[in-house]
Amino acid sequence: MAEEGPGHWAPKGAFVMPLLPAKLKVDPVLAGLLHCVAFLELSQDDTVDPDWAVEAMEHVSAYLGRLGSGEVEAISKQLERVAKHVKGQGAPAEVVEFFDEFLENFGAGDTGED
């Protein structure tokens, strides 16, 4: 089976996820966000400063907290497809877990805003 886009799972200090195939029907903006946040979360500490990564991810979490329940549900379905895809592609367990727990870890749909 031919893979779409460049890249493959390879251990290295900077985590760069292979492109998600269009057949997964993941919103391109969400796909880009996932790539960036996965880079921040899954890269080694000597590659990405963990303090700065956490600060950036806290901002992502604040924005995702503004999502309505319908948006969260749509993203949840897309994340399920992504998790299933990366698992089938032989991604490390921590990568699969990242997608499985993404919404929970980033507070999507939380109403903690004033």
PDB file of N, CA and C in Angstrom:
ATOM      1  N   MET A   1       0.848  -1.170   0.000  1.00  0.00           N
ATOM      2  CA  MET A   1       0.000   0.000   0.000  1.00  0.00           C
ATOM      3  C   MET A   1       0.902   1.244   0.000  1.00  0.00           C
ATOM      4  N   ALA A   2       0.649   2.137  -0.924  1.00  0.00           N
ATOM      5  CA  ALA A   2       1.444   3.373  -1.005  1.00  0.00           C
ATOM      6  C   ALA A   2       0.988   4.346   0.072  1.00  0.00           C
ATOM      7  N   GLU A   3       1.966   4.986   0.701  1.00  0.00           N
ATOM      8  CA  GLU A   3       1.648   5.984   1.720  1.00  0.00           C
ATOM      9  C   GLU A   3       1.613   7.357   1.083  1.00  0.00           C
ATOM     10  N   GLU A   4       0.740   8.191   1.570  1.00  0.00           N
ATOM     11  CA  GLU A   4       0.621   9.545   1.066  1.00  0.00           C
ATOM     12  C   GLU A   4       1.558  10.458   1.831  1.00  0.00           C
ATOM     13  N   GLY A   5       2.305  11.261   1.134  1.00  0.00           N
ATOM     14  CA  GLY A   5       3.146  12.265   1.768  1.00  0.00           C
ATOM     15  C   GLY A   5       4.473  11.716   2.240  1.00  0.00           C
ATOM     16  N   PRO A   6       5.376  12.627   2.566  1.00  0.00           N
ATOM     17  CA  PRO A   6       6.705  12.223   3.016  1.00  0.00           C
ATOM     18  C   PRO A   6       6.705  11.796   4.474  1.00  0.00           C
ATOM     19  N   GLY A   7       7.760  11.111   4.843  1.00  0.00           N
ATOM     20  CA  GLY A   7       7.964  10.802   6.259  1.00  0.00           C
ATOM     21  C   GLY A   7       7.611   9.383   6.620  1.00  0.00           C
ATOM     22  N   HIS A   8       8.172   8.964   7.735  1.00  0.00           N
ATOM     23  CA  HIS A   8       7.891   7.666   8.319  1.00  0.00           C
ATOM     24  C   HIS A   8       8.275   7.735   9.793  1.00  0.00           C
ATOM     25  N   TRP A   9       7.849   6.730  10.558  1.00  0.00           N
ATOM     26  CA  TRP A   9       8.147   6.720  11.982  1.00  0.00           C
ATOM     27  C   TRP A   9       9.613   6.396  12.168  1.00  0.00           C
ATOM     28  N   ALA A  10      10.342   7.328  12.738  1.00  0.00           N
ATOM     29  CA  ALA A  10      11.763   7.095  12.989  1.00  0.00           C
ATOM     30  C   ALA A  10      12.137   7.793  14.284  1.00  0.00           C
ATOM     31  N   PRO A  11      12.868   7.109  15.162  1.00  0.00           N
ATOM     32  CA  PRO A  11      13.273   7.745  16.412  1.00  0.00           C
ATOM     33  C   PRO A  11      14.296   8.851  16.138  1.00  0.00           C
ATOM     34  N   LYS A  12      14.073   9.994  16.745  1.00  0.00           N
ATOM     35  CA  LYS A  12      15.003  11.117  16.676  1.00  0.00           C
ATOM     36  C   LYS A  12      14.616  12.101  17.764  1.00  0.00           C
ATOM     37  N   GLY A  13      15.478  13.063  18.047  1.00  0.00           N
ATOM     38  CA  GLY A  13      15.218  14.008  19.127  1.00  0.00           C
ATOM     39  C   GLY A  13      14.006  14.888  18.896  1.00  0.00           C
ATOM     40  N   ALA A  14      13.839  15.343  17.665  1.00  0.00           N
ATOM     41  CA  ALA A  14      12.693  16.176  17.326  1.00  0.00           C
ATOM     42  C   ALA A  14      11.611  15.293  16.735  1.00  0.00           C
ATOM     43  N   PHE A  15      10.457  15.265  17.372  1.00  0.00           N
ATOM     44  CA  PHE A  15       9.370  14.415  16.885  1.00  0.00           C
ATOM     45  C   PHE A  15       8.663  15.104  15.723  1.00  0.00           C
ATOM     46  N   VAL A  16       8.699  14.462  14.567  1.00  0.00           N
ATOM     47  CA  VAL A  16       7.971  14.958  13.409  1.00  0.00           C
ATOM     48  C   VAL A  16       7.117  13.808  12.896  1.00  0.00           C
ATOM     49  N   MET A  17       5.835  14.002  12.985  1.00  0.00           N
ATOM     50  CA  MET A  17       4.876  12.989  12.586  1.00  0.00           C
ATOM     51  C   MET A  17       4.750  12.966  11.066  1.00  0.00           C
ATOM     52  N   PRO A  18       4.637  11.791  10.457  1.00  0.00           N
ATOM     53  CA  PRO A  18       4.378  11.733   9.017  1.00  0.00           C
ATOM     54  C   PRO A  18       3.045  12.415   8.680  1.00  0.00           C
ATOM     55  N   LEU A  19       2.921  12.859   7.440  1.00  0.00           N
ATOM     56  CA  LEU A  19       1.676  13.487   7.007  1.00  0.00           C
ATOM     57  C   LEU A  19       0.502  12.538   7.172  1.00  0.00           C
ATOM     58  N   LEU A  20      -0.632  13.089   7.561  1.00  0.00           N
ATOM     59  CA  LEU A  20      -1.856  12.298   7.657  1.00  0.00           C
ATOM     60  C   LEU A  20      -2.482  12.229   6.268  1.00  0.00           C
ATOM     61  N   PRO A  21      -2.886  11.047   5.821  1.00  0.00           N
ATOM     62  CA  PRO A  21      -3.479  10.938   4.486  1.00  0.00           C
ATOM     63  C   PRO A  21      -4.848  11.624   4.405  1.00  0.00           C
ATOM     64  N   ALA A  22      -5.150  12.171   3.244  1.00  0.00           N
ATOM     65  CA  ALA A  22      -6.424  12.865   3.029  1.00  0.00           C
ATOM     66  C   ALA A  22      -7.619  11.945   3.275  1.00  0.00           C
ATOM     67  N   LYS A  23      -7.434  10.646   3.044  1.00  0.00           N
ATOM     68  CA  LYS A  23      -8.538   9.699   3.218  1.00  0.00           C
ATOM     69  C   LYS A  23      -9.053   9.648   4.657  1.00  0.00           C
ATOM     70  N   LEU A  24      -8.272  10.148   5.626  1.00  0.00           N
ATOM     71  CA  LEU A  24      -8.737  10.170   7.020  1.00  0.00           C
ATOM     72  C   LEU A  24      -9.771  11.253   7.256  1.00  0.00           C
ATOM     73  N   LYS A  25      -9.868  12.186   6.320  1.00  0.00           N
ATOM     74  CA  LYS A  25     -10.834  13.290   6.414  1.00  0.00           C
ATOM     75  C   LYS A  25     -10.666  14.066   7.715  1.00  0.00           C
ATOM     76  N   VAL A  26      -9.412  14.456   7.974  1.00  0.00           N
ATOM     77  CA  VAL A  26      -9.095  15.294   9.124  1.00  0.00           C
ATOM     78  C   VAL A  26      -8.986  16.720   8.615  1.00  0.00           C
ATOM     79  N   ASP A  27      -9.686  17.626   9.263  1.00  0.00           N
ATOM     80  CA  ASP A  27      -9.628  19.033   8.888  1.00  0.00           C
ATOM     81  C   ASP A  27      -8.163  19.455   8.811  1.00  0.00           C
ATOM     82  N   PRO A  28      -7.749  20.106   7.714  1.00  0.00           N
ATOM     83  CA  PRO A  28      -6.346  20.486   7.571  1.00  0.00           C
ATOM     84  C   PRO A  28      -5.829  21.390   8.697  1.00  0.00           C
ATOM     85  N   VAL A  29      -6.674  22.236   9.238  1.00  0.00           N
ATOM     86  CA  VAL A  29      -6.244  23.092  10.352  1.00  0.00           C
ATOM     87  C   VAL A  29      -5.984  22.236  11.588  1.00  0.00           C
ATOM     88  N   LEU A  30      -6.856  21.281  11.853  1.00  0.00           N
ATOM     89  CA  LEU A  30      -6.644  20.367  12.977  1.00  0.00           C
ATOM     90  C   LEU A  30      -5.379  19.544  12.751  1.00  0.00           C
ATOM     91  N   ALA A  31      -5.171  19.052  11.537  1.00  0.00           N
ATOM     92  CA  ALA A  31      -3.977  18.256  11.245  1.00  0.00           C
ATOM     93  C   ALA A  31      -2.719  19.071  11.521  1.00  0.00           C
ATOM     94  N   GLY A  32      -2.708  20.331  11.087  1.00  0.00           N
ATOM     95  CA  GLY A  32      -1.555  21.194  11.348  1.00  0.00           C
ATOM     96  C   GLY A  32      -1.335  21.416  12.830  1.00  0.00           C
ATOM     97  N   LEU A  33      -2.422  21.639  13.560  1.00  0.00           N
ATOM     98  CA  LEU A  33      -2.326  21.829  15.004  1.00  0.00           C
ATOM     99  C   LEU A  33      -1.767  20.575  15.667  1.00  0.00           C
ATOM    100  N   LEU A  34      -2.246  19.411  15.255  1.00  0.00           N
ATOM    101  CA  LEU A  34      -1.764  18.157  15.828  1.00  0.00           C
ATOM    102  C   LEU A  34      -0.273  17.979  15.582  1.00  0.00           C
ATOM    103  N   HIS A  35       0.177  18.315  14.386  1.00  0.00           N
ATOM    104  CA  HIS A  35       1.602  18.194  14.083  1.00  0.00           C
ATOM    105  C   HIS A  35       2.427  19.095  14.991  1.00  0.00           C
ATOM    106  N   CYS A  36       1.977  20.325  15.160  1.00  0.00           N
ATOM    107  CA  CYS A  36       2.734  21.277  15.991  1.00  0.00           C
ATOM    108  C   CYS A  36       2.743  20.867  17.454  1.00  0.00           C
ATOM    109  N   VAL A  37       1.584  20.508  17.980  1.00  0.00           N
ATOM    110  CA  VAL A  37       1.504  20.154  19.394  1.00  0.00           C
ATOM    111  C   VAL A  37       2.225  18.832  19.666  1.00  0.00           C
ATOM    112  N   ALA A  38       2.135  17.883  18.736  1.00  0.00           N
ATOM    113  CA  ALA A  38       2.879  16.632  18.903  1.00  0.00           C
ATOM    114  C   ALA A  38       4.376  16.904  18.932  1.00  0.00           C
ATOM    115  N   PHE A  39       4.838  17.825  18.100  1.00  0.00           N
ATOM    116  CA  PHE A  39       6.249  18.208  18.103  1.00  0.00           C
ATOM    117  C   PHE A  39       6.646  18.746  19.476  1.00  0.00           C
ATOM    118  N   LEU A  40       5.827  19.628  20.030  1.00  0.00           N
ATOM    119  CA  LEU A  40       6.137  20.213  21.336  1.00  0.00           C
ATOM    120  C   LEU A  40       6.104  19.166  22.452  1.00  0.00           C
ATOM    121  N   GLU A  41       5.113  18.308  22.413  1.00  0.00           N
ATOM    122  CA  GLU A  41       4.908  17.331  23.485  1.00  0.00           C
ATOM    123  C   GLU A  41       5.865  16.147  23.411  1.00  0.00           C
ATOM    124  N   LEU A  42       6.168  15.683  22.208  1.00  0.00           N
ATOM    125  CA  LEU A  42       6.870  14.415  22.065  1.00  0.00           C
ATOM    126  C   LEU A  42       8.348  14.536  21.702  1.00  0.00           C
ATOM    127  N   SER A  43       8.815  15.748  21.443  1.00  0.00           N
ATOM    128  CA  SER A  43      10.249  15.917  21.179  1.00  0.00           C
ATOM    129  C   SER A  43      11.022  15.812  22.485  1.00  0.00           C
ATOM    130  N   GLN A  44      12.272  15.429  22.382  1.00  0.00           N
ATOM    131  CA  GLN A  44      13.107  15.286  23.570  1.00  0.00           C
ATOM    132  C   GLN A  44      13.434  16.660  24.160  1.00  0.00           C
ATOM    133  N   ASP A  45      13.668  16.676  25.460  1.00  0.00           N
ATOM    134  CA  ASP A  45      13.927  17.926  26.181  1.00  0.00           C
ATOM    135  C   ASP A  45      15.153  18.672  25.679  1.00  0.00           C
ATOM    136  N   ASP A  46      16.129  17.958  25.150  1.00  0.00           N
ATOM    137  CA  ASP A  46      17.316  18.650  24.649  1.00  0.00           C
ATOM    138  C   ASP A  46      17.092  19.224  23.246  1.00  0.00           C
ATOM    139  N   THR A  47      15.944  18.913  22.654  1.00  0.00           N
ATOM    140  CA  THR A  47      15.594  19.439  21.333  1.00  0.00           C
ATOM    141  C   THR A  47      14.637  20.620  21.468  1.00  0.00           C
ATOM    142  N   VAL A  48      13.634  20.468  22.316  1.00  0.00           N
ATOM    143  CA  VAL A  48      12.632  21.517  22.549  1.00  0.00           C
ATOM    144  C   VAL A  48      12.608  21.797  24.043  1.00  0.00           C
ATOM    145  N   ASP A  49      12.843  23.045  24.396  1.00  0.00           N
ATOM    146  CA  ASP A  49      12.836  23.423  25.810  1.00  0.00           C
ATOM    147  C   ASP A  49      11.473  23.086  26.413  1.00  0.00           C
ATOM    148  N   PRO A  50      11.433  22.204  27.414  1.00  0.00           N
ATOM    149  CA  PRO A  50      10.149  21.771  27.963  1.00  0.00           C
ATOM    150  C   PRO A  50       9.342  22.896  28.601  1.00  0.00           C
ATOM    151  N   ASP A  51       9.990  23.868  29.199  1.00  0.00           N
ATOM    152  CA  ASP A  51       9.246  24.970  29.818  1.00  0.00           C
ATOM    153  C   ASP A  51       8.517  25.801  28.759  1.00  0.00           C
ATOM    154  N   TRP A  52       9.208  26.079  27.657  1.00  0.00           N
ATOM    155  CA  TRP A  52       8.579  26.855  26.579  1.00  0.00           C
ATOM    156  C   TRP A  52       7.504  26.029  25.884  1.00  0.00           C
ATOM    157  N   ALA A  53       7.738  24.744  25.749  1.00  0.00           N
ATOM    158  CA  ALA A  53       6.742  23.872  25.129  1.00  0.00           C
ATOM    159  C   ALA A  53       5.463  23.849  25.966  1.00  0.00           C
ATOM    160  N   VAL A  54       5.617  23.729  27.272  1.00  0.00           N
ATOM    161  CA  VAL A  54       4.448  23.712  28.158  1.00  0.00           C
ATOM    162  C   VAL A  54       3.690  25.034  28.062  1.00  0.00           C
ATOM    163  N   GLU A  55       4.406  26.131  28.044  1.00  0.00           N
ATOM    164  CA  GLU A  55       3.735  27.430  27.944  1.00  0.00           C
ATOM    165  C   GLU A  55       2.936  27.533  26.643  1.00  0.00           C
ATOM    166  N   ALA A  56       3.533  27.108  25.542  1.00  0.00           N
ATOM    167  CA  ALA A  56       2.820  27.155  24.253  1.00  0.00           C
ATOM    168  C   ALA A  56       1.596  26.240  24.279  1.00  0.00           C
ATOM    169  N   MET A  57       1.747  25.053  24.861  1.00  0.00           N
ATOM    170  CA  MET A  57       0.619  24.119  24.909  1.00  0.00           C
ATOM    171  C   MET A  57      -0.486  24.616  25.843  1.00  0.00           C
ATOM    172  N   GLU A  58      -0.133  25.370  26.863  1.00  0.00           N
ATOM    173  CA  GLU A  58      -1.163  25.970  27.730  1.00  0.00           C
ATOM    174  C   GLU A  58      -2.008  26.968  26.945  1.00  0.00           C
ATOM    175  N   HIS A  59      -1.386  27.686  26.032  1.00  0.00           N
ATOM    176  CA  HIS A  59      -2.150  28.606  25.185  1.00  0.00           C
ATOM    177  C   HIS A  59      -3.067  27.839  24.241  1.00  0.00           C
ATOM    178  N   VAL A  60      -2.576  26.743  23.676  1.00  0.00           N
ATOM    179  CA  VAL A  60      -3.412  25.902  22.824  1.00  0.00           C
ATOM    180  C   VAL A  60      -4.612  25.414  23.628  1.00  0.00           C
ATOM    181  N   SER A  61      -4.366  24.975  24.844  1.00  0.00           N
ATOM    182  CA  SER A  61      -5.431  24.493  25.708  1.00  0.00           C
ATOM    183  C   SER A  61      -6.476  25.586  25.970  1.00  0.00           C
ATOM    184  N   ALA A  62      -6.020  26.805  26.180  1.00  0.00           N
ATOM    185  CA  ALA A  62      -6.949  27.916  26.421  1.00  0.00           C
ATOM    186  C   ALA A  62      -7.861  28.131  25.210  1.00  0.00           C
ATOM    187  N   TYR A  63      -7.290  28.060  24.030  1.00  0.00           N
ATOM    188  CA  TYR A  63      -8.108  28.229  22.824  1.00  0.00           C
ATOM    189  C   TYR A  63      -9.071  27.067  22.630  1.00  0.00           C
ATOM    190  N   LEU A  64      -8.597  25.851  22.846  1.00  0.00           N
ATOM    191  CA  LEU A  64      -9.472  24.692  22.676  1.00  0.00           C
ATOM    192  C   LEU A  64     -10.595  24.681  23.698  1.00  0.00           C
ATOM    193  N   GLY A  65     -10.353  25.291  24.843  1.00  0.00           N
ATOM    194  CA  GLY A  65     -11.396  25.386  25.858  1.00  0.00           C
ATOM    195  C   GLY A  65     -12.584  26.208  25.411  1.00  0.00           C
ATOM    196  N   ARG A  66     -12.416  26.986  24.370  1.00  0.00           N
ATOM    197  CA  ARG A  66     -13.502  27.817  23.837  1.00  0.00           C
ATOM    198  C   ARG A  66     -14.425  27.068  22.875  1.00  0.00           C
ATOM    199  N   LEU A  67     -14.059  25.861  22.516  1.00  0.00           N
ATOM    200  CA  LEU A  67     -14.863  25.101  21.561  1.00  0.00           C
ATOM    201  C   LEU A  67     -16.208  24.698  22.160  1.00  0.00           C
ATOM    202  N   GLY A  68     -17.208  24.704  21.314  1.00  0.00           N
ATOM    203  CA  GLY A  68     -18.524  24.231  21.729  1.00  0.00           C
ATOM    204  C   GLY A  68     -18.594  22.715  21.659  1.00  0.00           C
ATOM    205  N   SER A  69     -19.635  22.142  22.218  1.00  0.00           N
ATOM    206  CA  SER A  69     -19.747  20.683  22.285  1.00  0.00           C
ATOM    207  C   SER A  69     -19.801  20.039  20.905  1.00  0.00           C
ATOM    208  N   GLY A  70     -20.436  20.688  19.946  1.00  0.00           N
ATOM    209  CA  GLY A  70     -20.485  20.142  18.595  1.00  0.00           C
ATOM    210  C   GLY A  70     -19.111  20.090  17.952  1.00  0.00           C
ATOM    211  N   GLU A  71     -18.333  21.125  18.182  1.00  0.00           N
ATOM    212  CA  GLU A  71     -16.973  21.162  17.639  1.00  0.00           C
ATOM    213  C   GLU A  71     -16.098  20.102  18.303  1.00  0.00           C
ATOM    214  N   VAL A  72     -16.249  19.945  19.606  1.00  0.00           N
ATOM    215  CA  VAL A  72     -15.481  18.932  20.330  1.00  0.00           C
ATOM    216  C   VAL A  72     -15.834  17.544  19.807  1.00  0.00           C
ATOM    217  N   GLU A  73     -17.100  17.294  19.569  1.00  0.00           N
ATOM    218  CA  GLU A  73     -17.529  15.989  19.052  1.00  0.00           C
ATOM    219  C   GLU A  73     -16.937  15.727  17.674  1.00  0.00           C
ATOM    220  N   ALA A  74     -16.947  16.721  16.807  1.00  0.00           N
ATOM    221  CA  ALA A  74     -16.374  16.562  15.467  1.00  0.00           C
ATOM    222  C   ALA A  74     -14.873  16.277  15.546  1.00  0.00           C
ATOM    223  N   ILE A  75     -14.175  16.989  16.400  1.00  0.00           N
ATOM    224  CA  ILE A  75     -12.736  16.772  16.568  1.00  0.00           C
ATOM    225  C   ILE A  75     -12.473  15.395  17.172  1.00  0.00           C
ATOM    226  N   SER A  76     -13.305  14.995  18.107  1.00  0.00           N
ATOM    227  CA  SER A  76     -13.155  13.681  18.741  1.00  0.00           C
ATOM    228  C   SER A  76     -13.212  12.568  17.702  1.00  0.00           C
ATOM    229  N   LYS A  77     -14.149  12.664  16.779  1.00  0.00           N
ATOM    230  CA  LYS A  77     -14.277  11.642  15.736  1.00  0.00           C
ATOM    231  C   LYS A  77     -13.047  11.625  14.839  1.00  0.00           C
ATOM    232  N   GLN A  78     -12.531  12.800  14.531  1.00  0.00           N
ATOM    233  CA  GLN A  78     -11.327  12.870  13.703  1.00  0.00           C
ATOM    234  C   GLN A  78     -10.126  12.276  14.445  1.00  0.00           C
ATOM    235  N   LEU A  79     -10.016  12.582  15.728  1.00  0.00           N
ATOM    236  CA  LEU A  79      -8.912  12.055  16.523  1.00  0.00           C
ATOM    237  C   LEU A  79      -8.970  10.533  16.638  1.00  0.00           C
ATOM    238  N   GLU A  80     -10.163   9.980  16.701  1.00  0.00           N
ATOM    239  CA  GLU A  80     -10.303   8.521  16.731  1.00  0.00           C
ATOM    240  C   GLU A  80      -9.720   7.913  15.457  1.00  0.00           C
ATOM    241  N   ARG A  81     -10.014   8.549  14.310  1.00  0.00           N
ATOM    242  CA  ARG A  81      -9.472   8.046  13.044  1.00  0.00           C
ATOM    243  C   ARG A  81      -7.954   8.175  13.014  1.00  0.00           C
ATOM    244  N   VAL A  82      -7.451   9.291  13.524  1.00  0.00           N
ATOM    245  CA  VAL A  82      -5.998   9.500  13.543  1.00  0.00           C
ATOM    246  C   VAL A  82      -5.334   8.461  14.438  1.00  0.00           C
ATOM    247  N   ALA A  83      -5.866   8.248  15.626  1.00  0.00           N
ATOM    248  CA  ALA A  83      -5.275   7.269  16.552  1.00  0.00           C
ATOM    249  C   ALA A  83      -5.261   5.875  15.935  1.00  0.00           C
ATOM    250  N   LYS A  84      -6.343   5.499  15.311  1.00  0.00           N
ATOM    251  CA  LYS A  84      -6.417   4.187  14.665  1.00  0.00           C
ATOM    252  C   LYS A  84      -5.390   4.102  13.531  1.00  0.00           C
ATOM    253  N   HIS A  85      -5.264   5.166  12.763  1.00  0.00           N
ATOM    254  CA  HIS A  85      -4.317   5.194  11.642  1.00  0.00           C
ATOM    255  C   HIS A  85      -2.880   5.072  12.137  1.00  0.00           C
ATOM    256  N   VAL A  86      -2.492   5.899  13.106  1.00  0.00           N
ATOM    257  CA  VAL A  86      -1.096   5.871  13.549  1.00  0.00           C
ATOM    258  C   VAL A  86      -0.753   4.545  14.220  1.00  0.00           C
ATOM    259  N   LYS A  87      -1.721   3.969  14.910  1.00  0.00           N
ATOM    260  CA  LYS A  87      -1.486   2.657  15.520  1.00  0.00           C
ATOM    261  C   LYS A  87      -1.239   1.621  14.426  1.00  0.00           C
ATOM    262  N   GLY A  88      -2.054   1.669  13.369  1.00  0.00           N
ATOM    263  CA  GLY A  88      -1.897   0.747  12.258  1.00  0.00           C
ATOM    264  C   GLY A  88      -0.597   0.950  11.486  1.00  0.00           C
ATOM    265  N   GLN A  89      -0.038   2.150  11.573  1.00  0.00           N
ATOM    266  CA  GLN A  89       1.219   2.458  10.901  1.00  0.00           C
ATOM    267  C   GLN A  89       2.435   2.118  11.762  1.00  0.00           C
ATOM    268  N   GLY A  90       2.196   1.589  12.951  1.00  0.00           N
ATOM    269  CA  GLY A  90       3.305   1.180  13.812  1.00  0.00           C
ATOM    270  C   GLY A  90       3.891   2.303  14.649  1.00  0.00           C
ATOM    271  N   ALA A  91       3.103   3.339  14.905  1.00  0.00           N
ATOM    272  CA  ALA A  91       3.585   4.443  15.731  1.00  0.00           C
ATOM    273  C   ALA A  91       3.863   3.951  17.145  1.00  0.00           C
ATOM    274  N   PRO A  92       4.832   4.568  17.811  1.00  0.00           N
ATOM    275  CA  PRO A  92       5.098   4.216  19.209  1.00  0.00           C
ATOM    276  C   PRO A  92       3.844   4.418  20.077  1.00  0.00           C
ATOM    277  N   ALA A  93       3.752   3.661  21.150  1.00  0.00           N
ATOM    278  CA  ALA A  93       2.585   3.722  22.038  1.00  0.00           C
ATOM    279  C   ALA A  93       2.329   5.136  22.548  1.00  0.00           C
ATOM    280  N   GLU A  94       3.394   5.899  22.836  1.00  0.00           N
ATOM    281  CA  GLU A  94       3.196   7.256  23.353  1.00  0.00           C
ATOM    282  C   GLU A  94       2.528   8.160  22.325  1.00  0.00           C
ATOM    283  N   VAL A  95       2.715   7.881  21.048  1.00  0.00           N
ATOM    284  CA  VAL A  95       2.082   8.673  19.997  1.00  0.00           C
ATOM    285  C   VAL A  95       0.594   8.350  19.930  1.00  0.00           C
ATOM    286  N   VAL A  96       0.258   7.078  19.962  1.00  0.00           N
ATOM    287  CA  VAL A  96      -1.141   6.661  19.951  1.00  0.00           C
ATOM    288  C   VAL A  96      -1.852   7.251  21.171  1.00  0.00           C
ATOM    289  N   GLU A  97      -1.212   7.174  22.321  1.00  0.00           N
ATOM    290  CA  GLU A  97      -1.779   7.730  23.561  1.00  0.00           C
ATOM    291  C   GLU A  97      -1.987   9.238  23.442  1.00  0.00           C
ATOM    292  N   PHE A  98      -1.055   9.928  22.801  1.00  0.00           N
ATOM    293  CA  PHE A  98      -1.175  11.370  22.605  1.00  0.00           C
ATOM    294  C   PHE A  98      -2.491  11.710  21.909  1.00  0.00           C
ATOM    295  N   PHE A  99      -2.838  10.968  20.854  1.00  0.00           N
ATOM    296  CA  PHE A  99      -4.079  11.232  20.127  1.00  0.00           C
ATOM    297  C   PHE A  99      -5.301  10.758  20.898  1.00  0.00           C
ATOM    298  N   ASP A 100      -5.197   9.612  21.562  1.00  0.00           N
ATOM    299  CA  ASP A 100      -6.315   9.088  22.350  1.00  0.00           C
ATOM    300  C   ASP A 100      -6.714  10.057  23.470  1.00  0.00           C
ATOM    301  N   GLU A 101      -5.736  10.736  24.049  1.00  0.00           N
ATOM    302  CA  GLU A 101      -5.990  11.586  25.213  1.00  0.00           C
ATOM    303  C   GLU A 101      -5.930  13.081  24.900  1.00  0.00           C
ATOM    304  N   PHE A 102      -5.834  13.424  23.619  1.00  0.00           N
ATOM    305  CA  PHE A 102      -5.634  14.814  23.224  1.00  0.00           C
ATOM    306  C   PHE A 102      -6.695  15.755  23.804  1.00  0.00           C
ATOM    307  N   LEU A 103      -7.962  15.469  23.569  1.00  0.00           N
ATOM    308  CA  LEU A 103      -9.022  16.380  24.028  1.00  0.00           C
ATOM    309  C   LEU A 103      -9.045  16.503  25.547  1.00  0.00           C
ATOM    310  N   GLU A 104      -8.861  15.401  26.230  1.00  0.00           N
ATOM    311  CA  GLU A 104      -8.832  15.427  27.696  1.00  0.00           C
ATOM    312  C   GLU A 104      -7.646  16.256  28.203  1.00  0.00           C
ATOM    313  N   ASN A 105      -6.483  16.030  27.613  1.00  0.00           N
ATOM    314  CA  ASN A 105      -5.280  16.723  28.065  1.00  0.00           C
ATOM    315  C   ASN A 105      -5.271  18.210  27.731  1.00  0.00           C
ATOM    316  N   PHE A 106      -5.978  18.587  26.688  1.00  0.00           N
ATOM    317  CA  PHE A 106      -5.985  19.987  26.279  1.00  0.00           C
ATOM    318  C   PHE A 106      -7.270  20.707  26.620  1.00  0.00           C
ATOM    319  N   GLY A 107      -8.113  20.104  27.437  1.00  0.00           N
ATOM    320  CA  GLY A 107      -9.280  20.790  27.979  1.00  0.00           C
ATOM    321  C   GLY A 107     -10.277  21.278  26.957  1.00  0.00           C
ATOM    322  N   ALA A 108     -10.370  20.608  25.825  1.00  0.00           N
ATOM    323  CA  ALA A 108     -11.292  21.053  24.778  1.00  0.00           C
ATOM    324  C   ALA A 108     -12.721  21.077  25.299  1.00  0.00           C
ATOM    325  N   GLY A 109     -13.364  22.201  25.106  1.00  0.00           N
ATOM    326  CA  GLY A 109     -14.748  22.353  25.521  1.00  0.00           C
ATOM    327  C   GLY A 109     -14.922  22.756  26.979  1.00  0.00           C
ATOM    328  N   ASP A 110     -13.823  22.891  27.728  1.00  0.00           N
ATOM    329  CA  ASP A 110     -13.938  23.351  29.110  1.00  0.00           C
ATOM    330  C   ASP A 110     -14.498  24.768  29.114  1.00  0.00           C
ATOM    331  N   THR A 111     -15.204  25.091  30.168  1.00  0.00           N
ATOM    332  CA  THR A 111     -15.774  26.431  30.264  1.00  0.00           C
ATOM    333  C   THR A 111     -15.121  27.191  31.397  1.00  0.00           C
ATOM    334  N   GLY A 112     -13.809  27.190  31.417  1.00  0.00           N
ATOM    335  CA  GLY A 112     -13.087  27.881  32.489  1.00  0.00           C
ATOM    336  C   GLY A 112     -12.822  29.354  32.179  1.00  0.00           C
ATOM    337  N   GLU A 113     -13.457  29.878  31.154  1.00  0.00           N
ATOM    338  CA  GLU A 113     -13.243  31.287  30.760  1.00  0.00           C
ATOM    339  C   GLU A 113     -14.212  32.193  31.507  1.00  0.00           C
ATOM    340  N   ASP A 114     -13.775  33.441  31.777  1.00  0.00           N
ATOM    341  CA  ASP A 114     -14.649  34.379  32.508  1.00  0.00           C
ATOM    342  C   ASP A 114     -15.748  34.927  31.683  1.00  0.00           C
TER     343      ASP A 114
END
